[in-house]
Amino acid sequence: MSRAALIGQLLRLLAHLPLPLLHAGGALAGTLAFLIPNNTRHIACVNLELCFPDCSIARKRALVRCSLRESAKALLELGPLWHRPPQRVLRLIRDVEGGEILDAAIEGGRGVLIIAPHLGSWELLQVWVARRTSLHALYRPPRQTELEGLIKRARARSGAHFWPARPAGIRALYRALRAGAAIGILPDQQPPGEGVFAPFFGVPAKTMTLFGKLAARSRAPIVLGWAERLAYGCGYRLHWHTVDEAVRDPDPMRAATALNRAIETAVRQQPCQYQWSYRRFSRRPDGERNPYHAYRSQGGWVAPV
């Protein structure tokens, strides 16, 4: 059996388990990941040291532990989110804050640009949006190519259209936006190609310019959405916010700075549920050292070496 088939079978099995049990298992796995030295924990520690330098070590350690627990929950909840019928998945949503913001944007008929950071359950968010309007989004093909089909099939069950982050996929987004569709972008990953070093929590981070270009070339309203994971596996709460029009600025640096600022605002609402284990700052301006190599564990935390 191939790796993709094995993972698919495991996720289908997880889909039969109740969400509270899955999230409890994720909490346990995340706690173990915090207690045992590993690269994922190191990345999260470095990110939080860079982004919250004024917080106490105790506070940052608590955020790492909480973040790893939430990341493990995100992995286990893929079973029900990818394999239960979409209408059943949507019953996990207990509340929607600011839903009228997205509804008004859709009703305008000019398309919608959605900023969807790696905060909470972004997989659930796309299911909810795709059931309300035509949704198109980019995805980065996984390093393990055999997993690409599994991921595409699972996400396409919602009715959303996913395009690889390549020139053809970008052209497809422009066509969909002109046709009045919603465009979802997860903009807080380092682009492999062009980008600018805009501040993210005060730290220069290579940031995509694609979103700013899409916004500058259209009159589509811009919103930010994320799905909060409620405690004890009780379900989810969706959050929708308007966004500063500066993300539409024709200057790439000003647009990227406004984009990162909007993401920061959302992350501060629930910092535990942000994906701090991602190497957000590994690509550096010329002359700067990769911080994940520059920090080592020391005294129960991390320090530069």
C-alpha atoms as a PDB file:
ATOM      1  CA  MET A   1       0.000   0.000   0.000  1.00  0.00           C
ATOM      2  CA  SER A   2       1.343   3.437  -0.948  1.00  0.00           C
ATOM      3  CA  ARG A   3       1.961   6.135   1.632  1.00  0.00           C
ATOM      4  CA  ALA A   4      -0.897   8.242   0.260  1.00  0.00           C
ATOM      5  CA  ALA A   5      -3.306   5.294   0.454  1.00  0.00           C
ATOM      6  CA  LEU A   6      -2.240   4.537   4.018  1.00  0.00           C
ATOM      7  CA  ILE A   7      -2.750   8.148   5.117  1.00  0.00           C
ATOM      8  CA  GLY A   8      -6.106   8.238   3.349  1.00  0.00           C
ATOM      9  CA  GLN A   9      -7.239   5.091   5.182  1.00  0.00           C
ATOM     10  CA  LEU A  10      -6.125   6.532   8.521  1.00  0.00           C
ATOM     11  CA  LEU A  11      -7.993   9.785   7.919  1.00  0.00           C
ATOM     12  CA  ARG A  12     -11.138   7.877   6.959  1.00  0.00           C
ATOM     13  CA  LEU A  13     -10.898   5.979  10.244  1.00  0.00           C
ATOM     14  CA  LEU A  14     -10.442   9.223  12.180  1.00  0.00           C
ATOM     15  CA  ALA A  15     -13.550  10.613  10.489  1.00  0.00           C
ATOM     16  CA  HIS A  16     -15.658   8.149  12.506  1.00  0.00           C
ATOM     17  CA  LEU A  17     -14.376   9.440  15.849  1.00  0.00           C
ATOM     18  CA  PRO A  18     -16.078  12.290  17.732  1.00  0.00           C
ATOM     19  CA  LEU A  19     -14.367  15.667  17.571  1.00  0.00           C
ATOM     20  CA  PRO A  20     -13.857  15.915  21.380  1.00  0.00           C
ATOM     21  CA  LEU A  21     -11.898  12.647  21.328  1.00  0.00           C
ATOM     22  CA  LEU A  22      -9.787  13.781  18.359  1.00  0.00           C
ATOM     23  CA  HIS A  23      -8.979  17.098  19.990  1.00  0.00           C
ATOM     24  CA  ALA A  24      -8.150  15.376  23.268  1.00  0.00           C
ATOM     25  CA  GLY A  25      -5.747  13.123  21.390  1.00  0.00           C
ATOM     26  CA  GLY A  26      -4.238  16.172  19.699  1.00  0.00           C
ATOM     27  CA  ALA A  27      -3.775  17.894  23.043  1.00  0.00           C
ATOM     28  CA  LEU A  28      -1.923  14.851  24.361  1.00  0.00           C
ATOM     29  CA  ALA A  29       0.275  14.556  21.262  1.00  0.00           C
ATOM     30  CA  GLY A  30       1.065  18.260  21.356  1.00  0.00           C
ATOM     31  CA  THR A  31       2.020  18.078  25.017  1.00  0.00           C
ATOM     32  CA  LEU A  32       4.442  15.253  24.243  1.00  0.00           C
ATOM     33  CA  ALA A  33       5.886  17.288  21.371  1.00  0.00           C
ATOM     34  CA  PHE A  34       6.493  20.103  23.842  1.00  0.00           C
ATOM     35  CA  LEU A  35       8.189  17.878  26.416  1.00  0.00           C
ATOM     36  CA  ILE A  36      10.489  16.011  24.008  1.00  0.00           C
ATOM     37  CA  PRO A  37      13.170  18.074  22.191  1.00  0.00           C
ATOM     38  CA  ASN A  38      12.421  18.171  18.476  1.00  0.00           C
ATOM     39  CA  ASN A  39      12.762  20.458  15.477  1.00  0.00           C
ATOM     40  CA  THR A  40       9.101  21.520  15.439  1.00  0.00           C
ATOM     41  CA  ARG A  41       9.334  22.742  19.014  1.00  0.00           C
ATOM     42  CA  HIS A  42      12.578  24.560  18.219  1.00  0.00           C
ATOM     43  CA  ILE A  43      10.998  26.422  15.290  1.00  0.00           C
ATOM     44  CA  ALA A  44       8.029  27.499  17.420  1.00  0.00           C
ATOM     45  CA  CYS A  45      10.345  28.686  20.207  1.00  0.00           C
ATOM     46  CA  VAL A  46      12.438  30.763  17.798  1.00  0.00           C
ATOM     47  CA  ASN A  47       9.365  32.287  16.162  1.00  0.00           C
ATOM     48  CA  LEU A  48       7.893  33.332  19.488  1.00  0.00           C
ATOM     49  CA  GLU A  49      11.235  34.678  20.717  1.00  0.00           C
ATOM     50  CA  LEU A  50      11.443  36.849  17.592  1.00  0.00           C
ATOM     51  CA  CYS A  51       7.813  37.975  17.587  1.00  0.00           C
ATOM     52  CA  PHE A  52       7.297  38.507  21.326  1.00  0.00           C
ATOM     53  CA  PRO A  53      10.730  39.506  22.657  1.00  0.00           C
ATOM     54  CA  ASP A  54       9.242  41.459  25.575  1.00  0.00           C
ATOM     55  CA  CYS A  55       7.129  38.580  26.909  1.00  0.00           C
ATOM     56  CA  SER A  56       8.429  36.530  29.807  1.00  0.00           C
ATOM     57  CA  ILE A  57      10.012  33.166  29.055  1.00  0.00           C
ATOM     58  CA  ALA A  58       7.215  31.509  31.048  1.00  0.00           C
ATOM     59  CA  ARG A  59       4.604  33.161  28.817  1.00  0.00           C
ATOM     60  CA  LYS A  60       6.435  32.178  25.631  1.00  0.00           C
ATOM     61  CA  ARG A  61       6.863  28.593  26.819  1.00  0.00           C
ATOM     62  CA  ALA A  62       3.144  28.437  27.554  1.00  0.00           C
ATOM     63  CA  LEU A  63       2.413  29.705  24.028  1.00  0.00           C
ATOM     64  CA  VAL A  64       4.693  27.060  22.501  1.00  0.00           C
ATOM     65  CA  ARG A  65       2.976  24.294  24.466  1.00  0.00           C
ATOM     66  CA  CYS A  66      -0.476  25.572  23.536  1.00  0.00           C
ATOM     67  CA  SER A  67       0.504  26.060  19.877  1.00  0.00           C
ATOM     68  CA  LEU A  68       1.855  22.513  19.548  1.00  0.00           C
ATOM     69  CA  ARG A  69      -1.335  21.151  21.071  1.00  0.00           C
ATOM     70  CA  GLU A  70      -3.444  23.109  18.590  1.00  0.00           C
ATOM     71  CA  SER A  71      -1.272  22.025  15.663  1.00  0.00           C
ATOM     72  CA  ALA A  72      -1.763  18.378  16.613  1.00  0.00           C
ATOM     73  CA  LYS A  73      -5.511  18.942  16.851  1.00  0.00           C
ATOM     74  CA  ALA A  74      -5.401  20.430  13.341  1.00  0.00           C
ATOM     75  CA  LEU A  75      -3.815  17.241  12.000  1.00  0.00           C
ATOM     76  CA  LEU A  76      -6.291  14.871  13.653  1.00  0.00           C
ATOM     77  CA  GLU A  77      -9.346  16.921  12.690  1.00  0.00           C
ATOM     78  CA  LEU A  78      -8.468  16.429   9.020  1.00  0.00           C
ATOM     79  CA  GLY A  79     -10.223  13.063   9.277  1.00  0.00           C
ATOM     80  CA  PRO A  80     -13.729  14.478   9.768  1.00  0.00           C
ATOM     81  CA  LEU A  81     -13.097  17.685   7.810  1.00  0.00           C
ATOM     82  CA  TRP A  82     -11.879  15.814   4.727  1.00  0.00           C
ATOM     83  CA  HIS A  83     -14.067  12.717   4.841  1.00  0.00           C
ATOM     84  CA  ARG A  84     -17.408  13.544   6.437  1.00  0.00           C
ATOM     85  CA  PRO A  85     -20.123  14.923   4.116  1.00  0.00           C
ATOM     86  CA  PRO A  86     -19.738  18.725   3.883  1.00  0.00           C
ATOM     87  CA  GLN A  87     -23.190  19.362   5.361  1.00  0.00           C
ATOM     88  CA  ARG A  88     -22.225  17.328   8.404  1.00  0.00           C
ATOM     89  CA  VAL A  89     -18.920  19.193   8.697  1.00  0.00           C
ATOM     90  CA  LEU A  90     -20.787  22.502   8.708  1.00  0.00           C
ATOM     91  CA  ARG A  91     -22.824  21.386  11.718  1.00  0.00           C
ATOM     92  CA  LEU A  92     -19.605  21.673  13.744  1.00  0.00           C
ATOM     93  CA  ILE A  93     -19.804  25.472  13.416  1.00  0.00           C
ATOM     94  CA  ARG A  94     -21.416  26.916  16.544  1.00  0.00           C
ATOM     95  CA  ASP A  95     -21.225  30.624  15.773  1.00  0.00           C
ATOM     96  CA  VAL A  96     -20.238  33.066  13.030  1.00  0.00           C
ATOM     97  CA  GLU A  97     -19.020  36.516  14.004  1.00  0.00           C
ATOM     98  CA  GLY A  98     -19.081  39.119  11.244  1.00  0.00           C
ATOM     99  CA  GLY A  99     -20.727  36.832   8.703  1.00  0.00           C
ATOM    100  CA  GLU A 100     -22.643  39.816   7.348  1.00  0.00           C
ATOM    101  CA  ILE A 101     -19.292  41.271   6.200  1.00  0.00           C
ATOM    102  CA  LEU A 102     -18.695  38.370   3.834  1.00  0.00           C
ATOM    103  CA  ASP A 103     -22.350  38.248   2.763  1.00  0.00           C
ATOM    104  CA  ALA A 104     -22.287  41.926   1.788  1.00  0.00           C
ATOM    105  CA  ALA A 105     -19.060  41.400  -0.144  1.00  0.00           C
ATOM    106  CA  ILE A 106     -20.549  38.462  -2.056  1.00  0.00           C
ATOM    107  CA  GLU A 107     -23.758  40.343  -2.828  1.00  0.00           C
ATOM    108  CA  GLY A 108     -21.755  43.186  -4.367  1.00  0.00           C
ATOM    109  CA  GLY A 109     -21.090  40.966  -7.386  1.00  0.00           C
ATOM    110  CA  ARG A 110     -17.507  42.140  -7.898  1.00  0.00           C
ATOM    111  CA  GLY A 111     -15.869  39.043  -6.467  1.00  0.00           C
ATOM    112  CA  VAL A 112     -14.267  38.809  -3.045  1.00  0.00           C
ATOM    113  CA  LEU A 113     -10.663  38.620  -1.924  1.00  0.00           C
ATOM    114  CA  ILE A 114     -10.312  36.551   1.245  1.00  0.00           C
ATOM    115  CA  ILE A 115      -7.244  36.663   3.467  1.00  0.00           C
ATOM    116  CA  ALA A 116      -7.134  33.315   5.295  1.00  0.00           C
ATOM    117  CA  PRO A 117      -4.068  33.061   7.549  1.00  0.00           C
ATOM    118  CA  HIS A 118      -2.828  29.796   9.050  1.00  0.00           C
ATOM    119  CA  LEU A 119      -4.866  30.445  12.158  1.00  0.00           C
ATOM    120  CA  GLY A 120      -7.341  27.990  13.651  1.00  0.00           C
ATOM    121  CA  SER A 121      -8.985  25.576  11.218  1.00  0.00           C
ATOM    122  CA  TRP A 122      -8.472  27.003   7.723  1.00  0.00           C
ATOM    123  CA  GLU A 123      -9.661  23.698   6.222  1.00  0.00           C
ATOM    124  CA  LEU A 124     -13.086  24.208   7.801  1.00  0.00           C
ATOM    125  CA  LEU A 125     -13.202  27.843   6.675  1.00  0.00           C
ATOM    126  CA  GLN A 126     -12.977  26.911   2.999  1.00  0.00           C
ATOM    127  CA  VAL A 127     -15.846  24.420   3.338  1.00  0.00           C
ATOM    128  CA  TRP A 128     -18.115  27.128   4.766  1.00  0.00           C
ATOM    129  CA  VAL A 129     -17.180  29.692   2.101  1.00  0.00           C
ATOM    130  CA  ALA A 130     -17.488  27.222  -0.794  1.00  0.00           C
ATOM    131  CA  ARG A 131     -21.056  26.429   0.266  1.00  0.00           C
ATOM    132  CA  ARG A 132     -21.977  30.124  -0.025  1.00  0.00           C
ATOM    133  CA  THR A 133     -20.223  31.163  -3.232  1.00  0.00           C
ATOM    134  CA  SER A 134     -17.808  29.977  -5.912  1.00  0.00           C
ATOM    135  CA  LEU A 135     -14.402  29.752  -4.237  1.00  0.00           C
ATOM    136  CA  HIS A 136     -11.005  29.518  -5.930  1.00  0.00           C
ATOM    137  CA  ALA A 137      -7.671  29.206  -4.151  1.00  0.00           C
ATOM    138  CA  LEU A 138      -4.038  28.392  -4.737  1.00  0.00           C
ATOM    139  CA  TYR A 139      -2.208  25.552  -3.068  1.00  0.00           C
ATOM    140  CA  ARG A 140       1.463  24.687  -2.864  1.00  0.00           C
ATOM    141  CA  PRO A 141       2.019  21.125  -4.128  1.00  0.00           C
ATOM    142  CA  PRO A 142       3.413  18.954  -1.307  1.00  0.00           C
ATOM    143  CA  ARG A 143       7.010  17.776  -1.384  1.00  0.00           C
ATOM    144  CA  GLN A 144       5.693  14.204  -1.331  1.00  0.00           C
ATOM    145  CA  THR A 145       4.098  14.238  -4.778  1.00  0.00           C
ATOM    146  CA  GLU A 146       2.045  11.098  -4.083  1.00  0.00           C
ATOM    147  CA  LEU A 147       0.038  13.090  -1.501  1.00  0.00           C
ATOM    148  CA  GLU A 148      -1.104  15.752  -3.975  1.00  0.00           C
ATOM    149  CA  GLY A 149      -4.035  13.753  -5.316  1.00  0.00           C
ATOM    150  CA  LEU A 150      -5.228  12.919  -1.803  1.00  0.00           C
ATOM    151  CA  ILE A 151      -5.170  16.569  -0.739  1.00  0.00           C
ATOM    152  CA  LYS A 152      -6.872  17.840  -3.894  1.00  0.00           C
ATOM    153  CA  ARG A 153      -9.675  15.256  -3.723  1.00  0.00           C
ATOM    154  CA  ALA A 154     -10.329  15.950  -0.046  1.00  0.00           C
ATOM    155  CA  ARG A 155     -10.510  19.720  -0.464  1.00  0.00           C
ATOM    156  CA  ALA A 156     -12.519  19.618  -3.680  1.00  0.00           C
ATOM    157  CA  ARG A 157     -15.393  17.850  -1.882  1.00  0.00           C
ATOM    158  CA  SER A 158     -16.546  21.249  -0.660  1.00  0.00           C
ATOM    159  CA  GLY A 159     -17.025  22.439  -4.246  1.00  0.00           C
ATOM    160  CA  ALA A 160     -14.032  24.786  -4.102  1.00  0.00           C
ATOM    161  CA  HIS A 161     -11.560  24.978  -6.976  1.00  0.00           C
ATOM    162  CA  PHE A 162      -7.883  24.618  -6.108  1.00  0.00           C
ATOM    163  CA  TRP A 163      -5.056  25.588  -8.432  1.00  0.00           C
ATOM    164  CA  PRO A 164      -1.329  24.871  -8.039  1.00  0.00           C
ATOM    165  CA  ALA A 165       0.766  27.932  -7.151  1.00  0.00           C
ATOM    166  CA  ARG A 166       2.198  28.228 -10.630  1.00  0.00           C
ATOM    167  CA  PRO A 167       1.673  30.791 -13.428  1.00  0.00           C
ATOM    168  CA  ALA A 168      -1.276  28.842 -14.865  1.00  0.00           C
ATOM    169  CA  GLY A 169      -2.931  28.741 -11.438  1.00  0.00           C
ATOM    170  CA  ILE A 170      -2.434  32.471 -10.944  1.00  0.00           C
ATOM    171  CA  ARG A 171      -4.027  33.170 -14.325  1.00  0.00           C
ATOM    172  CA  ALA A 172      -6.973  31.018 -13.274  1.00  0.00           C
ATOM    173  CA  LEU A 173      -7.412  33.178 -10.163  1.00  0.00           C
ATOM    174  CA  TYR A 174      -7.547  36.360 -12.224  1.00  0.00           C
ATOM    175  CA  ARG A 175     -10.190  34.820 -14.502  1.00  0.00           C
ATOM    176  CA  ALA A 176     -12.264  33.666 -11.539  1.00  0.00           C
ATOM    177  CA  LEU A 177     -12.060  37.087  -9.903  1.00  0.00           C
ATOM    178  CA  ARG A 178     -13.216  38.811 -13.088  1.00  0.00           C
ATOM    179  CA  ALA A 179     -16.160  36.367 -13.144  1.00  0.00           C
ATOM    180  CA  GLY A 180     -17.197  37.463  -9.636  1.00  0.00           C
ATOM    181  CA  ALA A 181     -15.887  34.475  -7.653  1.00  0.00           C
ATOM    182  CA  ALA A 182     -14.315  34.522  -4.214  1.00  0.00           C
ATOM    183  CA  ILE A 183     -10.531  34.159  -4.134  1.00  0.00           C
ATOM    184  CA  GLY A 184      -8.987  32.659  -1.009  1.00  0.00           C
ATOM    185  CA  ILE A 185      -5.307  33.262  -0.293  1.00  0.00           C
ATOM    186  CA  LEU A 186      -3.252  31.887   2.598  1.00  0.00           C
ATOM    187  CA  PRO A 187      -0.713  34.722   2.489  1.00  0.00           C
ATOM    188  CA  ASP A 188       1.513  34.036   5.494  1.00  0.00           C
ATOM    189  CA  GLN A 189       3.912  31.550   3.895  1.00  0.00           C
ATOM    190  CA  GLN A 190       7.188  32.535   2.276  1.00  0.00           C
ATOM    191  CA  PRO A 191       6.795  32.745  -1.508  1.00  0.00           C
ATOM    192  CA  PRO A 192       9.383  30.719  -3.430  1.00  0.00           C
ATOM    193  CA  GLY A 193       9.580  33.443  -6.072  1.00  0.00           C
ATOM    194  CA  GLU A 194       9.103  37.173  -5.889  1.00  0.00           C
ATOM    195  CA  GLY A 195       8.296  38.873  -2.634  1.00  0.00           C
ATOM    196  CA  VAL A 196       9.294  41.716  -0.339  1.00  0.00           C
ATOM    197  CA  PHE A 197      10.638  41.719   3.204  1.00  0.00           C
ATOM    198  CA  ALA A 198       7.768  43.332   5.090  1.00  0.00           C
ATOM    199  CA  PRO A 199       7.521  43.444   8.895  1.00  0.00           C
ATOM    200  CA  PHE A 200       5.590  40.672  10.608  1.00  0.00           C
ATOM    201  CA  PHE A 201       5.441  41.228  14.364  1.00  0.00           C
ATOM    202  CA  GLY A 202       8.305  43.633  13.779  1.00  0.00           C
ATOM    203  CA  VAL A 203      10.523  41.059  12.049  1.00  0.00           C
ATOM    204  CA  PRO A 204      11.280  41.296   8.302  1.00  0.00           C
ATOM    205  CA  ALA A 205       9.491  38.369   6.655  1.00  0.00           C
ATOM    206  CA  LYS A 206       9.484  37.509   2.979  1.00  0.00           C
ATOM    207  CA  THR A 207       5.895  38.228   1.981  1.00  0.00           C
ATOM    208  CA  MET A 208       3.996  37.516  -1.213  1.00  0.00           C
ATOM    209  CA  THR A 209       3.142  40.377  -3.538  1.00  0.00           C
ATOM    210  CA  LEU A 210       0.459  38.396  -5.384  1.00  0.00           C
ATOM    211  CA  PHE A 211      -2.348  39.396  -3.036  1.00  0.00           C
ATOM    212  CA  GLY A 212      -1.524  43.087  -3.384  1.00  0.00           C
ATOM    213  CA  LYS A 213      -1.511  42.749  -7.167  1.00  0.00           C
ATOM    214  CA  LEU A 214      -4.888  40.992  -7.179  1.00  0.00           C
ATOM    215  CA  ALA A 215      -6.317  43.684  -4.926  1.00  0.00           C
ATOM    216  CA  ALA A 216      -4.817  46.594  -6.872  1.00  0.00           C
ATOM    217  CA  ARG A 217      -6.167  45.324 -10.196  1.00  0.00           C
ATOM    218  CA  SER A 218      -9.738  44.785  -9.005  1.00  0.00           C
ATOM    219  CA  ARG A 219     -12.522  46.528  -7.162  1.00  0.00           C
ATOM    220  CA  ALA A 220     -13.315  43.364  -5.224  1.00  0.00           C
ATOM    221  CA  PRO A 221     -13.877  43.900  -1.489  1.00  0.00           C
ATOM    222  CA  ILE A 222     -11.247  42.443   0.819  1.00  0.00           C
ATOM    223  CA  VAL A 223     -12.054  40.515   3.996  1.00  0.00           C
ATOM    224  CA  LEU A 224     -10.148  38.376   6.475  1.00  0.00           C
ATOM    225  CA  GLY A 225     -11.575  35.150   7.876  1.00  0.00           C
ATOM    226  CA  TRP A 226     -10.491  32.436  10.288  1.00  0.00           C
ATOM    227  CA  ALA A 227     -12.113  29.548  12.156  1.00  0.00           C
ATOM    228  CA  GLU A 228     -11.484  29.413  15.892  1.00  0.00           C
ATOM    229  CA  ARG A 229     -11.190  25.963  17.417  1.00  0.00           C
ATOM    230  CA  LEU A 230     -13.382  25.905  20.546  1.00  0.00           C
ATOM    231  CA  ALA A 231     -12.267  24.228  23.765  1.00  0.00           C
ATOM    232  CA  TYR A 232     -12.944  20.553  24.533  1.00  0.00           C
ATOM    233  CA  GLY A 233     -13.860  19.700  20.943  1.00  0.00           C
ATOM    234  CA  CYS A 234     -17.096  21.680  21.164  1.00  0.00           C
ATOM    235  CA  GLY A 235     -16.824  22.864  17.556  1.00  0.00           C
ATOM    236  CA  TYR A 236     -15.754  26.067  15.870  1.00  0.00           C
ATOM    237  CA  ARG A 237     -16.495  29.783  15.733  1.00  0.00           C
ATOM    238  CA  LEU A 238     -15.895  31.675  12.483  1.00  0.00           C
ATOM    239  CA  HIS A 239     -14.573  35.236  12.506  1.00  0.00           C
ATOM    240  CA  TRP A 240     -14.837  37.740   9.645  1.00  0.00           C
ATOM    241  CA  HIS A 241     -13.243  41.194   9.553  1.00  0.00           C
ATOM    242  CA  THR A 242     -12.862  44.076   7.169  1.00  0.00           C
ATOM    243  CA  VAL A 243      -9.322  44.948   6.140  1.00  0.00           C
ATOM    244  CA  ASP A 244      -7.415  48.201   5.725  1.00  0.00           C
ATOM    245  CA  GLU A 245      -7.556  49.329   2.085  1.00  0.00           C
ATOM    246  CA  ALA A 246      -3.788  49.819   2.243  1.00  0.00           C
ATOM    247  CA  VAL A 247      -3.459  46.166   1.182  1.00  0.00           C
ATOM    248  CA  ARG A 248      -4.547  47.487  -2.236  1.00  0.00           C
ATOM    249  CA  ASP A 249      -1.668  49.970  -2.409  1.00  0.00           C
ATOM    250  CA  PRO A 250       0.192  49.770  -5.748  1.00  0.00           C
ATOM    251  CA  ASP A 251       3.487  49.939  -3.864  1.00  0.00           C
ATOM    252  CA  PRO A 252       4.397  46.298  -3.078  1.00  0.00           C
ATOM    253  CA  MET A 253       6.077  47.072   0.248  1.00  0.00           C
ATOM    254  CA  ARG A 254       3.211  49.181   1.577  1.00  0.00           C
ATOM    255  CA  ALA A 255       0.665  46.582   0.449  1.00  0.00           C
ATOM    256  CA  ALA A 256       2.615  43.694   2.010  1.00  0.00           C
ATOM    257  CA  THR A 257       3.087  45.636   5.256  1.00  0.00           C
ATOM    258  CA  ALA A 258      -0.657  46.245   5.488  1.00  0.00           C
ATOM    259  CA  LEU A 259      -1.327  42.583   4.717  1.00  0.00           C
ATOM    260  CA  ASN A 260       0.971  41.387   7.507  1.00  0.00           C
ATOM    261  CA  ARG A 261      -0.542  43.921   9.887  1.00  0.00           C
ATOM    262  CA  ALA A 262      -4.026  42.524   9.197  1.00  0.00           C
ATOM    263  CA  ILE A 263      -2.781  38.997   9.896  1.00  0.00           C
ATOM    264  CA  GLU A 264      -1.089  40.135  13.115  1.00  0.00           C
ATOM    265  CA  THR A 265      -4.368  41.626  14.344  1.00  0.00           C
ATOM    266  CA  ALA A 266      -6.142  38.303  13.826  1.00  0.00           C
ATOM    267  CA  VAL A 267      -3.321  36.273  15.400  1.00  0.00           C
ATOM    268  CA  ARG A 268      -3.388  38.425  18.538  1.00  0.00           C
ATOM    269  CA  GLN A 269      -7.010  37.369  19.057  1.00  0.00           C
ATOM    270  CA  GLN A 270      -5.970  33.750  19.551  1.00  0.00           C
ATOM    271  CA  PRO A 271      -2.160  33.382  19.352  1.00  0.00           C
ATOM    272  CA  CYS A 272      -2.228  29.735  20.496  1.00  0.00           C
ATOM    273  CA  GLN A 273      -3.986  28.714  17.299  1.00  0.00           C
ATOM    274  CA  TYR A 274      -1.454  30.231  14.915  1.00  0.00           C
ATOM    275  CA  GLN A 275       0.958  27.934  13.065  1.00  0.00           C
ATOM    276  CA  TRP A 276       4.103  28.982  14.928  1.00  0.00           C
ATOM    277  CA  SER A 277       5.855  25.766  13.844  1.00  0.00           C
ATOM    278  CA  TYR A 278       6.258  27.115  10.280  1.00  0.00           C
ATOM    279  CA  ARG A 279       9.668  28.509   9.272  1.00  0.00           C
ATOM    280  CA  ARG A 280       8.279  31.970   8.593  1.00  0.00           C
ATOM    281  CA  PHE A 281      11.652  33.723   8.788  1.00  0.00           C
ATOM    282  CA  SER A 282      14.054  31.255   7.172  1.00  0.00           C
ATOM    283  CA  ARG A 283      14.543  33.391   4.037  1.00  0.00           C
ATOM    284  CA  ARG A 284      16.434  36.508   5.118  1.00  0.00           C
ATOM    285  CA  PRO A 285      17.535  39.781   3.573  1.00  0.00           C
ATOM    286  CA  ASP A 286      21.076  39.693   2.251  1.00  0.00           C
ATOM    287  CA  GLY A 287      23.617  39.395   5.022  1.00  0.00           C
ATOM    288  CA  GLU A 288      21.203  38.133   7.699  1.00  0.00           C
ATOM    289  CA  ARG A 289      21.573  34.689   9.203  1.00  0.00           C
ATOM    290  CA  ASN A 290      18.757  32.133   9.243  1.00  0.00           C
ATOM    291  CA  PRO A 291      17.417  32.460  12.811  1.00  0.00           C
ATOM    292  CA  TYR A 292      16.537  28.765  13.101  1.00  0.00           C
ATOM    293  CA  HIS A 293      20.275  28.063  12.786  1.00  0.00           C
ATOM    294  CA  ALA A 294      21.287  31.031  14.910  1.00  0.00           C
ATOM    295  CA  TYR A 295      19.367  29.986  18.047  1.00  0.00           C
ATOM    296  CA  ARG A 296      20.012  27.036  20.341  1.00  0.00           C
ATOM    297  CA  SER A 297      18.216  25.695  23.416  1.00  0.00           C
ATOM    298  CA  GLN A 298      19.571  27.288  26.545  1.00  0.00           C
ATOM    299  CA  GLY A 299      18.244  27.513  30.089  1.00  0.00           C
ATOM    300  CA  GLY A 300      14.849  26.100  29.217  1.00  0.00           C
ATOM    301  CA  TRP A 301      14.387  28.428  26.274  1.00  0.00           C
ATOM    302  CA  VAL A 302      16.308  29.514  23.133  1.00  0.00           C
ATOM    303  CA  ALA A 303      19.123  32.034  22.811  1.00  0.00           C
ATOM    304  CA  PRO A 304      21.342  33.204  19.940  1.00  0.00           C
ATOM    305  CA  VAL A 305      24.712  31.513  19.576  1.00  0.00           C
END
